Amino acid sequence: MTAFDESAMDRLIAEAQRPAGGLDDLYDQVLAVKGSAQDPDKLVRVECSAQGVTGLDIDPRAMRWGSQRLAETILVLIADALSDMQAKSTELLGDVLGEGPLDLAAESNPADLRMREAREAYEQAMDQAVAELGRIERDLDR
């Protein structure tokens, strides 16, 4: 029977507590991504981030459009800015995690591979812990 490897359990705990491959930094980078859009005349500009609309610049000349056209333009530009932000976030994730990082169903997904490795390490540590507990129980019964 294999002896309980206390250092393996310590390594497992340390690995679980450590940010997964710099994912904290990646999370901060994704939150910092901003998307922007402006109308063809460059009179209205919108900026969006993970917090929502973070900037709206309206040239006074755009006020001549009337409220309906201005409102419609702003709504279209918000959608475009959000789309731009999404594209930039996807590109950032692709650069860091490889192609198709958001396809969690893909077998070669880096996040999925990392989770499988962590599960295997956890199961191995638990098997060792159960075996050690069984040995201790047998020793106590003697």
C-alpha atoms as a PDB file:
ATOM      1  CA  MET A   1       0.000   0.000   0.000  1.00  0.00           C
ATOM      2  CA  THR A   2       1.208   3.463  -0.830  1.00  0.00           C
ATOM      3  CA  ALA A   3       1.889   5.715   2.139  1.00  0.00           C
ATOM      4  CA  PHE A   4      -0.094   8.906   2.409  1.00  0.00           C
ATOM      5  CA  ASP A   5       1.761  11.651   0.594  1.00  0.00           C
ATOM      6  CA  GLU A   6       1.170  14.742   2.722  1.00  0.00           C
ATOM      7  CA  SER A   7       3.256  16.878   0.393  1.00  0.00           C
ATOM      8  CA  ALA A   8       0.993  15.903  -2.520  1.00  0.00           C
ATOM      9  CA  MET A   9      -2.015  17.135  -0.559  1.00  0.00           C
ATOM     10  CA  ASP A  10      -0.180  20.384   0.248  1.00  0.00           C
ATOM     11  CA  ARG A  11       0.669  20.825  -3.439  1.00  0.00           C
ATOM     12  CA  LEU A  12      -2.956  20.186  -4.406  1.00  0.00           C
ATOM     13  CA  ILE A  13      -4.194  22.786  -1.930  1.00  0.00           C
ATOM     14  CA  ALA A  14      -1.586  25.311  -3.067  1.00  0.00           C
ATOM     15  CA  GLU A  15      -2.515  24.674  -6.724  1.00  0.00           C
ATOM     16  CA  ALA A  16      -6.208  25.138  -5.988  1.00  0.00           C
ATOM     17  CA  GLN A  17      -5.544  28.452  -4.223  1.00  0.00           C
ATOM     18  CA  ARG A  18      -3.195  29.781  -6.916  1.00  0.00           C
ATOM     19  CA  PRO A  19      -4.832  31.785  -9.712  1.00  0.00           C
ATOM     20  CA  ALA A  20      -5.252  29.452 -12.661  1.00  0.00           C
ATOM     21  CA  GLY A  21      -2.458  30.367 -15.065  1.00  0.00           C
ATOM     22  CA  GLY A  22      -2.816  34.097 -14.661  1.00  0.00           C
ATOM     23  CA  LEU A  23      -6.592  34.061 -15.111  1.00  0.00           C
ATOM     24  CA  ASP A  24      -6.908  36.891 -12.578  1.00  0.00           C
ATOM     25  CA  ASP A  25      -4.778  39.084 -14.848  1.00  0.00           C
ATOM     26  CA  LEU A  26      -6.771  37.968 -17.878  1.00  0.00           C
ATOM     27  CA  TYR A  27     -10.008  38.795 -16.072  1.00  0.00           C
ATOM     28  CA  ASP A  28      -8.709  42.303 -15.315  1.00  0.00           C
ATOM     29  CA  GLN A  29      -7.639  42.740 -18.952  1.00  0.00           C
ATOM     30  CA  VAL A  30     -11.046  41.667 -20.237  1.00  0.00           C
ATOM     31  CA  LEU A  31     -12.751  44.077 -17.836  1.00  0.00           C
ATOM     32  CA  ALA A  32     -10.540  46.886 -19.160  1.00  0.00           C
ATOM     33  CA  VAL A  33     -11.542  46.281 -22.797  1.00  0.00           C
ATOM     34  CA  LYS A  34     -13.534  49.138 -24.309  1.00  0.00           C
ATOM     35  CA  GLY A  35     -15.508  49.252 -27.508  1.00  0.00           C
ATOM     36  CA  SER A  36     -16.406  52.363 -29.410  1.00  0.00           C
ATOM     37  CA  ALA A  37     -18.506  53.459 -32.348  1.00  0.00           C
ATOM     38  CA  GLN A  38     -19.388  56.717 -34.073  1.00  0.00           C
ATOM     39  CA  ASP A  39     -21.779  57.819 -36.761  1.00  0.00           C
ATOM     40  CA  PRO A  40     -20.484  58.407 -40.326  1.00  0.00           C
ATOM     41  CA  ASP A  41     -20.564  62.180 -39.824  1.00  0.00           C
ATOM     42  CA  LYS A  42     -18.527  61.809 -36.605  1.00  0.00           C
ATOM     43  CA  LEU A  43     -21.031  63.866 -34.652  1.00  0.00           C
ATOM     44  CA  VAL A  44     -21.938  61.184 -32.082  1.00  0.00           C
ATOM     45  CA  ARG A  45     -19.493  58.803 -30.416  1.00  0.00           C
ATOM     46  CA  VAL A  46     -20.256  56.060 -27.873  1.00  0.00           C
ATOM     47  CA  GLU A  47     -17.830  54.079 -25.708  1.00  0.00           C
ATOM     48  CA  CYS A  48     -18.763  50.896 -23.832  1.00  0.00           C
ATOM     49  CA  SER A  49     -16.996  48.667 -21.340  1.00  0.00           C
ATOM     50  CA  ALA A  50     -18.004  45.820 -19.043  1.00  0.00           C
ATOM     51  CA  GLN A  51     -19.685  48.473 -16.874  1.00  0.00           C
ATOM     52  CA  GLY A  52     -21.961  49.514 -19.760  1.00  0.00           C
ATOM     53  CA  VAL A  53     -21.926  52.829 -21.622  1.00  0.00           C
ATOM     54  CA  THR A  54     -18.905  54.717 -20.309  1.00  0.00           C
ATOM     55  CA  GLY A  55     -18.768  57.563 -22.788  1.00  0.00           C
ATOM     56  CA  LEU A  56     -21.133  59.541 -24.944  1.00  0.00           C
ATOM     57  CA  ASP A  57     -19.973  62.531 -26.964  1.00  0.00           C
ATOM     58  CA  ILE A  58     -22.549  64.520 -28.919  1.00  0.00           C
ATOM     59  CA  ASP A  59     -21.427  67.326 -31.187  1.00  0.00           C
ATOM     60  CA  PRO A  60     -23.850  70.269 -30.875  1.00  0.00           C
ATOM     61  CA  ARG A  61     -24.551  70.005 -34.615  1.00  0.00           C
ATOM     62  CA  ALA A  62     -26.196  66.609 -33.992  1.00  0.00           C
ATOM     63  CA  MET A  63     -28.862  68.372 -31.929  1.00  0.00           C
ATOM     64  CA  ARG A  64     -30.317  69.653 -35.219  1.00  0.00           C
ATOM     65  CA  TRP A  65     -31.273  66.080 -36.122  1.00  0.00           C
ATOM     66  CA  GLY A  66     -34.222  66.081 -33.765  1.00  0.00           C
ATOM     67  CA  SER A  67     -34.766  63.818 -30.786  1.00  0.00           C
ATOM     68  CA  GLN A  68     -35.988  60.775 -32.739  1.00  0.00           C
ATOM     69  CA  ARG A  69     -33.013  60.549 -35.092  1.00  0.00           C
ATOM     70  CA  LEU A  70     -30.539  61.332 -32.299  1.00  0.00           C
ATOM     71  CA  ALA A  71     -32.042  58.658 -30.039  1.00  0.00           C
ATOM     72  CA  GLU A  72     -32.000  56.064 -32.835  1.00  0.00           C
ATOM     73  CA  THR A  73     -28.399  56.940 -33.685  1.00  0.00           C
ATOM     74  CA  ILE A  74     -27.321  56.606 -30.058  1.00  0.00           C
ATOM     75  CA  LEU A  75     -29.031  53.204 -29.714  1.00  0.00           C
ATOM     76  CA  VAL A  76     -27.395  51.915 -32.911  1.00  0.00           C
ATOM     77  CA  LEU A  77     -23.994  53.191 -31.777  1.00  0.00           C
ATOM     78  CA  ILE A  78     -24.384  51.547 -28.359  1.00  0.00           C
ATOM     79  CA  ALA A  79     -25.032  48.209 -30.085  1.00  0.00           C
ATOM     80  CA  ASP A  80     -22.033  48.775 -32.373  1.00  0.00           C
ATOM     81  CA  ALA A  81     -19.781  49.719 -29.443  1.00  0.00           C
ATOM     82  CA  LEU A  82     -20.865  46.619 -27.517  1.00  0.00           C
ATOM     83  CA  SER A  83     -20.151  44.512 -30.596  1.00  0.00           C
ATOM     84  CA  ASP A  84     -16.710  46.133 -30.894  1.00  0.00           C
ATOM     85  CA  MET A  85     -16.032  45.408 -27.218  1.00  0.00           C
ATOM     86  CA  GLN A  86     -17.116  41.774 -27.690  1.00  0.00           C
ATOM     87  CA  ALA A  87     -14.805  41.370 -30.688  1.00  0.00           C
ATOM     88  CA  LYS A  88     -11.858  42.848 -28.781  1.00  0.00           C
ATOM     89  CA  SER A  89     -12.570  40.599 -25.768  1.00  0.00           C
ATOM     90  CA  THR A  90     -12.786  37.526 -27.994  1.00  0.00           C
ATOM     91  CA  GLU A  91      -9.506  38.466 -29.666  1.00  0.00           C
ATOM     92  CA  LEU A  92      -7.838  38.946 -26.267  1.00  0.00           C
ATOM     93  CA  LEU A  93      -9.110  35.581 -25.037  1.00  0.00           C
ATOM     94  CA  GLY A  94      -7.993  33.938 -28.280  1.00  0.00           C
ATOM     95  CA  ASP A  95      -4.495  35.381 -27.886  1.00  0.00           C
ATOM     96  CA  VAL A  96      -4.216  34.094 -24.312  1.00  0.00           C
ATOM     97  CA  LEU A  97      -6.169  30.828 -24.379  1.00  0.00           C
ATOM     98  CA  GLY A  98      -5.774  29.806 -28.001  1.00  0.00           C
ATOM     99  CA  GLU A  99      -8.320  29.442 -30.751  1.00  0.00           C
ATOM    100  CA  GLY A 100     -11.899  28.836 -29.752  1.00  0.00           C
ATOM    101  CA  PRO A 101     -11.501  29.500 -26.013  1.00  0.00           C
ATOM    102  CA  LEU A 102     -15.184  30.126 -25.542  1.00  0.00           C
ATOM    103  CA  ASP A 103     -16.166  26.750 -27.017  1.00  0.00           C
ATOM    104  CA  LEU A 104     -16.267  24.882 -23.726  1.00  0.00           C
ATOM    105  CA  ALA A 105     -17.551  21.774 -25.512  1.00  0.00           C
ATOM    106  CA  ALA A 106     -14.363  21.452 -27.542  1.00  0.00           C
ATOM    107  CA  GLU A 107     -12.179  18.593 -26.342  1.00  0.00           C
ATOM    108  CA  SER A 108      -8.964  20.554 -26.791  1.00  0.00           C
ATOM    109  CA  ASN A 109     -10.249  23.619 -24.909  1.00  0.00           C
ATOM    110  CA  PRO A 110      -7.397  24.764 -22.613  1.00  0.00           C
ATOM    111  CA  ALA A 111      -9.794  25.489 -19.757  1.00  0.00           C
ATOM    112  CA  ASP A 112     -11.300  22.009 -20.080  1.00  0.00           C
ATOM    113  CA  LEU A 113      -7.854  20.376 -20.168  1.00  0.00           C
ATOM    114  CA  ARG A 114      -6.813  22.277 -17.047  1.00  0.00           C
ATOM    115  CA  MET A 115     -10.008  21.239 -15.261  1.00  0.00           C
ATOM    116  CA  ARG A 116      -9.405  17.592 -16.175  1.00  0.00           C
ATOM    117  CA  GLU A 117      -5.858  17.768 -14.816  1.00  0.00           C
ATOM    118  CA  ALA A 118      -7.106  19.350 -11.593  1.00  0.00           C
ATOM    119  CA  ARG A 119      -9.835  16.703 -11.252  1.00  0.00           C
ATOM    120  CA  GLU A 120      -7.310  13.899 -11.757  1.00  0.00           C
ATOM    121  CA  ALA A 121      -4.959  15.403  -9.162  1.00  0.00           C
ATOM    122  CA  TYR A 122      -7.856  15.825  -6.735  1.00  0.00           C
ATOM    123  CA  GLU A 123      -9.057  12.252  -7.258  1.00  0.00           C
ATOM    124  CA  GLN A 124      -5.540  10.909  -6.763  1.00  0.00           C
ATOM    125  CA  ALA A 125      -5.114  12.902  -3.546  1.00  0.00           C
ATOM    126  CA  MET A 126      -8.512  11.734  -2.298  1.00  0.00           C
ATOM    127  CA  ASP A 127      -7.655   8.103  -3.100  1.00  0.00           C
ATOM    128  CA  GLN A 128      -4.463   8.500  -1.091  1.00  0.00           C
ATOM    129  CA  ALA A 129      -6.351  10.138   1.774  1.00  0.00           C
ATOM    130  CA  VAL A 130      -8.975   7.369   1.856  1.00  0.00           C
ATOM    131  CA  ALA A 131      -6.267   4.705   1.754  1.00  0.00           C
ATOM    132  CA  GLU A 132      -4.446   6.391   4.629  1.00  0.00           C
ATOM    133  CA  LEU A 133      -7.645   6.673   6.651  1.00  0.00           C
ATOM    134  CA  GLY A 134      -8.270   2.968   6.043  1.00  0.00           C
ATOM    135  CA  ARG A 135      -4.760   2.139   7.257  1.00  0.00           C
ATOM    136  CA  ILE A 136      -5.249   4.281  10.375  1.00  0.00           C
ATOM    137  CA  GLU A 137      -8.591   2.592  11.076  1.00  0.00           C
ATOM    138  CA  ARG A 138      -7.016  -0.872  10.756  1.00  0.00           C
ATOM    139  CA  ASP A 139      -4.165   0.190  13.054  1.00  0.00           C
ATOM    140  CA  LEU A 140      -6.646   1.446  15.656  1.00  0.00           C
ATOM    141  CA  ASP A 141      -8.642  -1.814  15.495  1.00  0.00           C
ATOM    142  CA  ARG A 142      -5.558  -3.903  16.397  1.00  0.00           C
END
